[in-house]
Amino acid sequence: MDFSTVDSALTGTRFMTSAQARVMYDFVVEHRLARVLELGFAHGKSSCYLAAAVEEVDPERGHVTTIDRTDAERRDPNIWELGRRTGLSERITPVMAHTSFTWEMMKLLREDPTPRFDLVYIDGGHTWDTTGFAFHLADRLLVPGGWMVLDDLDWTLGGSDSMREKTWVKRLSPEERDSGQVRLVFELLMQGGGYEQCHEVGKWGFGRKPAGPVTPVVGSTARVPRVALPPTHAPRRPRDLRDLVRRTVPVEVRRSVLRVAPEWAHRLYRRGADRTGATH
């Protein structure tokens, strides 16, 4: 579906503006992204723009799977109404989560761990815990060479009229309340985790999953391969476990163990002797 058609059908619905939608629509079409996973859809306006774009890319298999909490059903309009209004209902599969979209992502992985989405658009959670975990789950579901988009990079809990007076937000540290936690995910996990072509457009952060092995950025908290120590630096097993106990356990503790559990202590020493070939 062309952009002007879907845009006119969604006039007056809250959240994603026409200008933002145009950017996302053009991005999907330009990069030929036919299979989309969206996390957080609210009224479903963004879902319809994405559905129109994937239809342009691939009329046969273009599809949007989108997840939000069950209270999205009560929105006016809701995603089903907008789907009917735009004629894109068949392109959209809404998934209703009882608590969080991360649980529904677990189900997607459990059903089929094969990467299968060309684009993952994350517009929900907005905290380091939720969005950071969602990033790693999305990475598992994203095909190599696919794209991830994070919305609301600089949104903060403390700056939100609807969130800052909540009890759990007031209990947070000032740093947690006033930090753009989605930006932390963008910088530390996406950029720092080896994603390519990372860039910002407005309040969005874009990144492309490498087609090959991930190369983390040095100096970040990105995934770092574990390197085995050379044999000369490997921890040495003590030749005699009893000697280790004598050198590291205070004598008062050793006497207490012998008084309370003499049989256990004897078996411990015996096991150490058997492993090292030592004799009593």
C-alpha atoms as a PDB file:
ATOM      1  CA  MET A   1       0.000   0.000   0.000  1.00  0.00           C
ATOM      2  CA  ASP A   2       1.382   3.441  -0.860  1.00  0.00           C
ATOM      3  CA  PHE A   3       2.168   5.828   1.967  1.00  0.00           C
ATOM      4  CA  SER A   4      -0.427   8.506   1.213  1.00  0.00           C
ATOM      5  CA  THR A   5      -3.259   5.975   1.334  1.00  0.00           C
ATOM      6  CA  VAL A   6      -2.401   4.573   4.743  1.00  0.00           C
ATOM      7  CA  ASP A   7      -1.483   8.004   6.096  1.00  0.00           C
ATOM      8  CA  SER A   8      -4.857   9.523   5.213  1.00  0.00           C
ATOM      9  CA  ALA A   9      -6.659   6.596   6.873  1.00  0.00           C
ATOM     10  CA  LEU A  10      -4.774   7.193  10.127  1.00  0.00           C
ATOM     11  CA  THR A  11      -5.264  10.950  10.387  1.00  0.00           C
ATOM     12  CA  GLY A  12      -6.123  12.048  13.922  1.00  0.00           C
ATOM     13  CA  THR A  13      -4.769   8.957  15.702  1.00  0.00           C
ATOM     14  CA  ARG A  14      -2.218   9.605  18.442  1.00  0.00           C
ATOM     15  CA  PHE A  15       1.509   8.984  18.655  1.00  0.00           C
ATOM     16  CA  MET A  16       3.555   8.389  15.478  1.00  0.00           C
ATOM     17  CA  THR A  17       3.428  11.522  13.322  1.00  0.00           C
ATOM     18  CA  SER A  18       3.172  11.496   9.539  1.00  0.00           C
ATOM     19  CA  ALA A  19       6.759  12.751   9.272  1.00  0.00           C
ATOM     20  CA  GLN A  20       8.052   9.953  11.523  1.00  0.00           C
ATOM     21  CA  ALA A  21       5.945   7.402   9.687  1.00  0.00           C
ATOM     22  CA  ARG A  22       7.356   8.537   6.352  1.00  0.00           C
ATOM     23  CA  VAL A  23      10.892   7.936   7.587  1.00  0.00           C
ATOM     24  CA  MET A  24      10.044   4.446   8.833  1.00  0.00           C
ATOM     25  CA  TYR A  25       7.996   3.546   5.761  1.00  0.00           C
ATOM     26  CA  ASP A  26      10.776   4.615   3.395  1.00  0.00           C
ATOM     27  CA  PHE A  27      13.383   2.787   5.469  1.00  0.00           C
ATOM     28  CA  VAL A  28      11.465  -0.500   5.309  1.00  0.00           C
ATOM     29  CA  VAL A  29      10.885  -0.192   1.579  1.00  0.00           C
ATOM     30  CA  GLU A  30      14.456   0.882   0.792  1.00  0.00           C
ATOM     31  CA  HIS A  31      16.003  -2.018   2.694  1.00  0.00           C
ATOM     32  CA  ARG A  32      13.405  -4.572   1.547  1.00  0.00           C
ATOM     33  CA  LEU A  33      12.383  -5.621   5.053  1.00  0.00           C
ATOM     34  CA  ALA A  34       9.380  -7.904   4.659  1.00  0.00           C
ATOM     35  CA  ARG A  35       9.094  -9.586   8.075  1.00  0.00           C
ATOM     36  CA  VAL A  36       8.769  -7.250  11.026  1.00  0.00           C
ATOM     37  CA  LEU A  37       8.554  -7.739  14.789  1.00  0.00           C
ATOM     38  CA  GLU A  38       7.244  -4.717  16.677  1.00  0.00           C
ATOM     39  CA  LEU A  39       7.410  -4.426  20.474  1.00  0.00           C
ATOM     40  CA  GLY A  40       4.832  -1.973  21.778  1.00  0.00           C
ATOM     41  CA  PHE A  41       2.007  -0.840  19.493  1.00  0.00           C
ATOM     42  CA  ALA A  42      -0.439   1.181  21.687  1.00  0.00           C
ATOM     43  CA  HIS A  43      -3.282   2.059  19.259  1.00  0.00           C
ATOM     44  CA  GLY A  44      -1.618   0.165  16.408  1.00  0.00           C
ATOM     45  CA  LYS A  45      -0.878   3.218  14.290  1.00  0.00           C
ATOM     46  CA  SER A  46       2.778   2.359  13.776  1.00  0.00           C
ATOM     47  CA  SER A  47       1.771  -1.240  13.052  1.00  0.00           C
ATOM     48  CA  CYS A  48      -0.380  -0.074  10.143  1.00  0.00           C
ATOM     49  CA  TYR A  49       2.408   2.036   8.657  1.00  0.00           C
ATOM     50  CA  LEU A  50       4.767  -0.918   8.934  1.00  0.00           C
ATOM     51  CA  ALA A  51       2.161  -3.239   7.399  1.00  0.00           C
ATOM     52  CA  ALA A  52       1.677  -0.884   4.457  1.00  0.00           C
ATOM     53  CA  ALA A  53       5.432  -0.807   3.902  1.00  0.00           C
ATOM     54  CA  VAL A  54       5.937  -4.589   4.019  1.00  0.00           C
ATOM     55  CA  GLU A  55       3.066  -4.986   1.566  1.00  0.00           C
ATOM     56  CA  GLU A  56       4.986  -2.772  -0.839  1.00  0.00           C
ATOM     57  CA  VAL A  57       8.132  -4.848  -0.285  1.00  0.00           C
ATOM     58  CA  ASP A  58       6.579  -8.299  -0.615  1.00  0.00           C
ATOM     59  CA  PRO A  59       2.835  -8.605  -1.336  1.00  0.00           C
ATOM     60  CA  GLU A  60       2.949 -12.366  -0.692  1.00  0.00           C
ATOM     61  CA  ARG A  61       4.803 -12.763   2.600  1.00  0.00           C
ATOM     62  CA  GLY A  62       5.105  -9.235   4.010  1.00  0.00           C
ATOM     63  CA  HIS A  63       3.863  -9.345   7.600  1.00  0.00           C
ATOM     64  CA  VAL A  64       4.047  -7.573  10.958  1.00  0.00           C
ATOM     65  CA  THR A  65       3.972  -9.414  14.279  1.00  0.00           C
ATOM     66  CA  THR A  66       3.394  -6.913  17.050  1.00  0.00           C
ATOM     67  CA  ILE A  67       3.263  -7.331  20.836  1.00  0.00           C
ATOM     68  CA  ASP A  68       1.769  -5.180  23.575  1.00  0.00           C
ATOM     69  CA  ARG A  69       0.038  -5.675  26.919  1.00  0.00           C
ATOM     70  CA  THR A  70      -3.595  -6.642  27.186  1.00  0.00           C
ATOM     71  CA  ASP A  71      -4.661  -3.132  28.225  1.00  0.00           C
ATOM     72  CA  ALA A  72      -4.023  -2.034  24.610  1.00  0.00           C
ATOM     73  CA  GLU A  73      -7.318  -3.753  23.784  1.00  0.00           C
ATOM     74  CA  ARG A  74      -9.140  -0.967  25.618  1.00  0.00           C
ATOM     75  CA  ARG A  75      -7.603   1.864  23.622  1.00  0.00           C
ATOM     76  CA  ASP A  76      -9.846   3.920  21.376  1.00  0.00           C
ATOM     77  CA  PRO A  77      -9.224   3.222  18.582  1.00  0.00           C
ATOM     78  CA  ASN A  78      -7.445  -0.072  19.099  1.00  0.00           C
ATOM     79  CA  ILE A  79      -5.262  -2.006  16.701  1.00  0.00           C
ATOM     80  CA  TRP A  80      -8.123  -4.086  15.291  1.00  0.00           C
ATOM     81  CA  GLU A  81     -10.150  -1.013  14.403  1.00  0.00           C
ATOM     82  CA  LEU A  82      -7.185   0.617  12.682  1.00  0.00           C
ATOM     83  CA  GLY A  83      -6.467  -2.610  10.828  1.00  0.00           C
ATOM     84  CA  ARG A  84     -10.002  -2.631   9.465  1.00  0.00           C
ATOM     85  CA  ARG A  85      -9.899   1.072   8.659  1.00  0.00           C
ATOM     86  CA  THR A  86      -6.708   0.709   6.601  1.00  0.00           C
ATOM     87  CA  GLY A  87      -7.566  -2.691   5.120  1.00  0.00           C
ATOM     88  CA  LEU A  88      -4.334  -4.115   6.528  1.00  0.00           C
ATOM     89  CA  SER A  89      -5.692  -6.531   9.135  1.00  0.00           C
ATOM     90  CA  GLU A  90      -4.374  -9.558   7.260  1.00  0.00           C
ATOM     91  CA  ARG A  91      -0.868  -8.105   7.377  1.00  0.00           C
ATOM     92  CA  ILE A  92      -0.829  -7.688  11.158  1.00  0.00           C
ATOM     93  CA  THR A  93      -0.764 -10.282  13.934  1.00  0.00           C
ATOM     94  CA  PRO A  94      -1.288  -8.618  17.336  1.00  0.00           C
ATOM     95  CA  VAL A  95      -0.015 -10.596  20.332  1.00  0.00           C
ATOM     96  CA  MET A  96      -1.379  -9.613  23.732  1.00  0.00           C
ATOM     97  CA  ALA A  97       0.995  -9.975  26.675  1.00  0.00           C
ATOM     98  CA  HIS A  98      -0.276 -10.325  30.223  1.00  0.00           C
ATOM     99  CA  THR A  99       2.795  -8.685  31.757  1.00  0.00           C
ATOM    100  CA  SER A 100       5.583  -8.003  29.276  1.00  0.00           C
ATOM    101  CA  PHE A 101       6.511  -8.516  25.645  1.00  0.00           C
ATOM    102  CA  THR A 102       9.695 -10.262  26.781  1.00  0.00           C
ATOM    103  CA  TRP A 103       7.610 -13.244  27.927  1.00  0.00           C
ATOM    104  CA  GLU A 104       5.950 -13.476  24.532  1.00  0.00           C
ATOM    105  CA  MET A 105       9.370 -13.289  22.895  1.00  0.00           C
ATOM    106  CA  MET A 106      10.370 -16.272  25.018  1.00  0.00           C
ATOM    107  CA  LYS A 107       7.454 -18.154  23.477  1.00  0.00           C
ATOM    108  CA  LEU A 108       8.591 -17.205  19.982  1.00  0.00           C
ATOM    109  CA  LEU A 109      12.047 -18.584  20.738  1.00  0.00           C
ATOM    110  CA  ARG A 110      10.647 -21.701  22.364  1.00  0.00           C
ATOM    111  CA  GLU A 111       8.415 -22.413  19.368  1.00  0.00           C
ATOM    112  CA  ASP A 112      11.168 -21.790  16.823  1.00  0.00           C
ATOM    113  CA  PRO A 113      14.623 -20.423  17.695  1.00  0.00           C
ATOM    114  CA  THR A 114      15.427 -19.795  14.036  1.00  0.00           C
ATOM    115  CA  PRO A 115      16.099 -16.107  13.247  1.00  0.00           C
ATOM    116  CA  ARG A 116      13.191 -15.010  11.075  1.00  0.00           C
ATOM    117  CA  PHE A 117      12.595 -11.248  11.253  1.00  0.00           C
ATOM    118  CA  ASP A 118      14.164  -8.675   8.945  1.00  0.00           C
ATOM    119  CA  LEU A 119      13.375  -5.774  11.277  1.00  0.00           C
ATOM    120  CA  VAL A 120      12.726  -5.502  14.994  1.00  0.00           C
ATOM    121  CA  TYR A 121      11.232  -2.194  16.119  1.00  0.00           C
ATOM    122  CA  ILE A 122      11.348  -1.697  19.897  1.00  0.00           C
ATOM    123  CA  ASP A 123       8.982   0.956  21.228  1.00  0.00           C
ATOM    124  CA  GLY A 124       8.117  -0.238  24.702  1.00  0.00           C
ATOM    125  CA  GLY A 125       9.560  -0.787  28.149  1.00  0.00           C
ATOM    126  CA  HIS A 126      11.956   2.161  27.967  1.00  0.00           C
ATOM    127  CA  THR A 127      14.052   0.898  30.880  1.00  0.00           C
ATOM    128  CA  TRP A 128      17.476  -0.674  30.924  1.00  0.00           C
ATOM    129  CA  ASP A 129      16.067  -3.907  32.368  1.00  0.00           C
ATOM    130  CA  THR A 130      13.226  -4.384  29.891  1.00  0.00           C
ATOM    131  CA  THR A 131      14.680  -2.865  26.734  1.00  0.00           C
ATOM    132  CA  GLY A 132      18.131  -4.308  27.390  1.00  0.00           C
ATOM    133  CA  PHE A 133      16.736  -7.815  27.798  1.00  0.00           C
ATOM    134  CA  ALA A 134      14.440  -7.309  24.814  1.00  0.00           C
ATOM    135  CA  PHE A 135      17.450  -6.317  22.716  1.00  0.00           C
ATOM    136  CA  HIS A 136      19.155  -9.638  23.386  1.00  0.00           C
ATOM    137  CA  LEU A 137      15.984 -11.619  22.708  1.00  0.00           C
ATOM    138  CA  ALA A 138      15.389  -9.627  19.518  1.00  0.00           C
ATOM    139  CA  ASP A 139      18.943 -10.286  18.414  1.00  0.00           C
ATOM    140  CA  ARG A 140      18.192 -14.012  18.593  1.00  0.00           C
ATOM    141  CA  LEU A 141      15.127 -13.558  16.381  1.00  0.00           C
ATOM    142  CA  LEU A 142      16.725 -11.153  13.900  1.00  0.00           C
ATOM    143  CA  VAL A 143      18.241 -12.545  10.717  1.00  0.00           C
ATOM    144  CA  PRO A 144      21.909 -11.735  10.004  1.00  0.00           C
ATOM    145  CA  GLY A 145      21.922  -8.485   8.080  1.00  0.00           C
ATOM    146  CA  GLY A 146      18.565  -7.477   9.582  1.00  0.00           C
ATOM    147  CA  TRP A 147      17.890  -4.163  11.274  1.00  0.00           C
ATOM    148  CA  MET A 148      16.949  -3.152  14.807  1.00  0.00           C
ATOM    149  CA  VAL A 149      15.348   0.202  15.686  1.00  0.00           C
ATOM    150  CA  LEU A 150      15.077   1.610  19.223  1.00  0.00           C
ATOM    151  CA  ASP A 151      12.511   4.329  19.833  1.00  0.00           C
ATOM    152  CA  ASP A 152      12.650   7.153  22.423  1.00  0.00           C
ATOM    153  CA  LEU A 153      16.404   7.208  22.973  1.00  0.00           C
ATOM    154  CA  ASP A 154      16.314  10.067  25.471  1.00  0.00           C
ATOM    155  CA  TRP A 155      12.973   9.455  27.180  1.00  0.00           C
ATOM    156  CA  THR A 156      13.313   9.369  30.978  1.00  0.00           C
ATOM    157  CA  LEU A 157      11.147   8.128  33.811  1.00  0.00           C
ATOM    158  CA  GLY A 158      11.690  11.337  35.733  1.00  0.00           C
ATOM    159  CA  GLY A 159      10.675  13.485  32.781  1.00  0.00           C
ATOM    160  CA  SER A 160       7.489  11.579  32.035  1.00  0.00           C
ATOM    161  CA  ASP A 161       4.256  13.137  33.308  1.00  0.00           C
ATOM    162  CA  SER A 162       2.615   9.720  33.462  1.00  0.00           C
ATOM    163  CA  MET A 163       5.487   7.936  35.227  1.00  0.00           C
ATOM    164  CA  ARG A 164       7.394  10.193  37.617  1.00  0.00           C
ATOM    165  CA  GLU A 165       4.747  10.162  40.380  1.00  0.00           C
ATOM    166  CA  LYS A 166       4.489   6.376  40.468  1.00  0.00           C
ATOM    167  CA  THR A 167       5.728   4.880  43.727  1.00  0.00           C
ATOM    168  CA  TRP A 168       8.229   2.529  42.114  1.00  0.00           C
ATOM    169  CA  VAL A 169       9.741   5.365  40.082  1.00  0.00           C
ATOM    170  CA  LYS A 170      10.191   7.526  43.196  1.00  0.00           C
ATOM    171  CA  ARG A 171      12.139   4.685  44.801  1.00  0.00           C
ATOM    172  CA  LEU A 172      14.724   4.705  42.016  1.00  0.00           C
ATOM    173  CA  SER A 173      18.017   6.524  42.301  1.00  0.00           C
ATOM    174  CA  PRO A 174      18.234   9.950  40.634  1.00  0.00           C
ATOM    175  CA  GLU A 175      20.551   8.450  38.030  1.00  0.00           C
ATOM    176  CA  GLU A 176      17.972   5.805  37.099  1.00  0.00           C
ATOM    177  CA  ARG A 177      15.128   8.335  36.973  1.00  0.00           C
ATOM    178  CA  ASP A 178      16.993  10.905  34.885  1.00  0.00           C
ATOM    179  CA  SER A 179      18.973   8.714  32.471  1.00  0.00           C
ATOM    180  CA  GLY A 180      17.845   7.982  28.942  1.00  0.00           C
ATOM    181  CA  GLN A 181      17.876   4.245  29.479  1.00  0.00           C
ATOM    182  CA  VAL A 182      17.052   3.364  25.875  1.00  0.00           C
ATOM    183  CA  ARG A 183      20.111   5.353  24.826  1.00  0.00           C
ATOM    184  CA  LEU A 184      22.198   3.187  27.141  1.00  0.00           C
ATOM    185  CA  VAL A 185      20.928   0.138  25.271  1.00  0.00           C
ATOM    186  CA  PHE A 186      21.719   1.815  21.950  1.00  0.00           C
ATOM    187  CA  GLU A 187      25.249   2.806  22.943  1.00  0.00           C
ATOM    188  CA  LEU A 188      26.326  -0.128  25.107  1.00  0.00           C
ATOM    189  CA  LEU A 189      24.527  -3.066  23.517  1.00  0.00           C
ATOM    190  CA  MET A 190      23.866  -2.076  19.911  1.00  0.00           C
ATOM    191  CA  GLN A 191      26.904   0.039  19.098  1.00  0.00           C
ATOM    192  CA  GLY A 192      29.085  -1.654  21.686  1.00  0.00           C
ATOM    193  CA  GLY A 193      27.875  -5.095  20.675  1.00  0.00           C
ATOM    194  CA  GLY A 194      29.179  -4.881  17.126  1.00  0.00           C
ATOM    195  CA  TYR A 195      26.098  -3.787  15.210  1.00  0.00           C
ATOM    196  CA  GLU A 196      26.925  -1.988  11.986  1.00  0.00           C
ATOM    197  CA  GLN A 197      25.767   1.285  10.412  1.00  0.00           C
ATOM    198  CA  CYS A 198      24.491   2.553  13.767  1.00  0.00           C
ATOM    199  CA  HIS A 199      22.968   5.995  13.439  1.00  0.00           C
ATOM    200  CA  GLU A 200      20.255   8.218  14.859  1.00  0.00           C
ATOM    201  CA  VAL A 201      17.256   9.722  13.143  1.00  0.00           C
ATOM    202  CA  GLY A 202      15.255  11.988  15.431  1.00  0.00           C
ATOM    203  CA  LYS A 203      14.466   9.957  18.554  1.00  0.00           C
ATOM    204  CA  TRP A 204      15.307   6.629  16.900  1.00  0.00           C
ATOM    205  CA  GLY A 205      18.494   4.603  17.010  1.00  0.00           C
ATOM    206  CA  PHE A 206      19.156   2.306  14.037  1.00  0.00           C
ATOM    207  CA  GLY A 207      21.609  -0.577  13.809  1.00  0.00           C
ATOM    208  CA  ARG A 208      22.239  -3.478  11.433  1.00  0.00           C
ATOM    209  CA  LYS A 209      23.061  -6.934  12.717  1.00  0.00           C
ATOM    210  CA  PRO A 210      26.273  -8.146  11.079  1.00  0.00           C
ATOM    211  CA  ALA A 211      25.944 -10.827   8.447  1.00  0.00           C
ATOM    212  CA  GLY A 212      29.007 -12.552   9.911  1.00  0.00           C
ATOM    213  CA  PRO A 213      30.490 -13.009  13.400  1.00  0.00           C
ATOM    214  CA  VAL A 214      30.008 -10.088  15.766  1.00  0.00           C
ATOM    215  CA  THR A 215      33.087  -7.984  16.546  1.00  0.00           C
ATOM    216  CA  PRO A 216      32.558  -6.126  19.834  1.00  0.00           C
ATOM    217  CA  VAL A 217      33.810  -2.568  20.241  1.00  0.00           C
ATOM    218  CA  VAL A 218      36.885  -2.370  22.481  1.00  0.00           C
ATOM    219  CA  GLY A 219      36.267  -0.492  25.707  1.00  0.00           C
ATOM    220  CA  SER A 220      32.548  -1.237  25.828  1.00  0.00           C
ATOM    221  CA  THR A 221      30.525  -3.729  27.821  1.00  0.00           C
ATOM    222  CA  ALA A 222      29.876  -5.666  24.624  1.00  0.00           C
ATOM    223  CA  ARG A 223      30.116  -9.404  24.242  1.00  0.00           C
ATOM    224  CA  VAL A 224      33.773 -10.329  24.611  1.00  0.00           C
ATOM    225  CA  PRO A 225      35.032 -13.785  23.667  1.00  0.00           C
ATOM    226  CA  ARG A 226      36.394 -15.790  26.561  1.00  0.00           C
ATOM    227  CA  VAL A 227      40.078 -16.535  26.182  1.00  0.00           C
ATOM    228  CA  ALA A 228      41.571 -19.585  27.871  1.00  0.00           C
ATOM    229  CA  LEU A 229      44.603 -18.934  30.059  1.00  0.00           C
ATOM    230  CA  PRO A 230      47.906 -20.429  28.853  1.00  0.00           C
ATOM    231  CA  PRO A 231      48.727 -23.679  30.618  1.00  0.00           C
ATOM    232  CA  THR A 232      51.529 -21.986  32.592  1.00  0.00           C
ATOM    233  CA  HIS A 233      49.001 -19.600  34.137  1.00  0.00           C
ATOM    234  CA  ALA A 234      46.269 -22.107  34.830  1.00  0.00           C
ATOM    235  CA  PRO A 235      45.385 -22.604  38.496  1.00  0.00           C
ATOM    236  CA  ARG A 236      47.318 -25.499  39.964  1.00  0.00           C
ATOM    237  CA  ARG A 237      45.600 -28.237  41.939  1.00  0.00           C
ATOM    238  CA  PRO A 238      47.236 -28.604  45.347  1.00  0.00           C
ATOM    239  CA  ARG A 239      49.348 -31.738  45.646  1.00  0.00           C
ATOM    240  CA  ASP A 240      47.833 -32.455  48.990  1.00  0.00           C
ATOM    241  CA  LEU A 241      44.394 -31.176  50.001  1.00  0.00           C
ATOM    242  CA  ARG A 242      45.315 -31.608  53.624  1.00  0.00           C
ATOM    243  CA  ASP A 243      48.232 -29.250  53.221  1.00  0.00           C
ATOM    244  CA  LEU A 244      45.927 -26.672  51.624  1.00  0.00           C
ATOM    245  CA  VAL A 245      43.520 -26.903  54.563  1.00  0.00           C
ATOM    246  CA  ARG A 246      46.383 -26.524  57.071  1.00  0.00           C
ATOM    247  CA  ARG A 247      47.641 -23.393  55.302  1.00  0.00           C
ATOM    248  CA  THR A 248      44.293 -21.672  54.781  1.00  0.00           C
ATOM    249  CA  VAL A 249      41.887 -22.738  57.549  1.00  0.00           C
ATOM    250  CA  PRO A 250      42.476 -21.433  61.087  1.00  0.00           C
ATOM    251  CA  VAL A 251      43.324 -24.118  63.568  1.00  0.00           C
ATOM    252  CA  GLU A 252      40.288 -23.323  65.726  1.00  0.00           C
ATOM    253  CA  VAL A 253      38.000 -23.992  62.748  1.00  0.00           C
ATOM    254  CA  ARG A 254      39.760 -27.253  61.910  1.00  0.00           C
ATOM    255  CA  ARG A 255      39.362 -28.456  65.507  1.00  0.00           C
ATOM    256  CA  SER A 256      35.655 -27.495  65.473  1.00  0.00           C
ATOM    257  CA  VAL A 257      35.064 -29.477  62.293  1.00  0.00           C
ATOM    258  CA  LEU A 258      36.840 -32.485  63.723  1.00  0.00           C
ATOM    259  CA  ARG A 259      34.740 -32.315  66.898  1.00  0.00           C
ATOM    260  CA  VAL A 260      31.391 -31.839  65.084  1.00  0.00           C
ATOM    261  CA  ALA A 261      31.873 -34.068  62.054  1.00  0.00           C
ATOM    262  CA  PRO A 262      34.953 -36.224  62.324  1.00  0.00           C
ATOM    263  CA  GLU A 263      33.735 -38.734  59.726  1.00  0.00           C
ATOM    264  CA  TRP A 264      33.053 -35.964  57.155  1.00  0.00           C
ATOM    265  CA  ALA A 265      36.503 -34.463  57.755  1.00  0.00           C
ATOM    266  CA  HIS A 266      38.150 -37.843  57.320  1.00  0.00           C
ATOM    267  CA  ARG A 267      36.328 -38.447  54.017  1.00  0.00           C
ATOM    268  CA  LEU A 268      37.393 -34.981  52.782  1.00  0.00           C
ATOM    269  CA  TYR A 269      41.032 -35.702  53.528  1.00  0.00           C
ATOM    270  CA  ARG A 270      40.746 -39.167  52.031  1.00  0.00           C
ATOM    271  CA  ARG A 271      39.273 -37.729  48.796  1.00  0.00           C
ATOM    272  CA  GLY A 272      42.143 -35.259  48.513  1.00  0.00           C
ATOM    273  CA  ALA A 273      44.688 -37.995  49.038  1.00  0.00           C
ATOM    274  CA  ASP A 274      43.037 -40.237  46.442  1.00  0.00           C
ATOM    275  CA  ARG A 275      43.052 -37.431  43.818  1.00  0.00           C
ATOM    276  CA  THR A 276      46.727 -36.558  44.335  1.00  0.00           C
ATOM    277  CA  GLY A 277      48.107 -40.002  45.054  1.00  0.00           C
ATOM    278  CA  ALA A 278      49.158 -38.957  48.567  1.00  0.00           C
ATOM    279  CA  THR A 279      49.103 -41.446  51.436  1.00  0.00           C
ATOM    280  CA  HIS A 280      48.363 -41.056  55.117  1.00  0.00           C
END
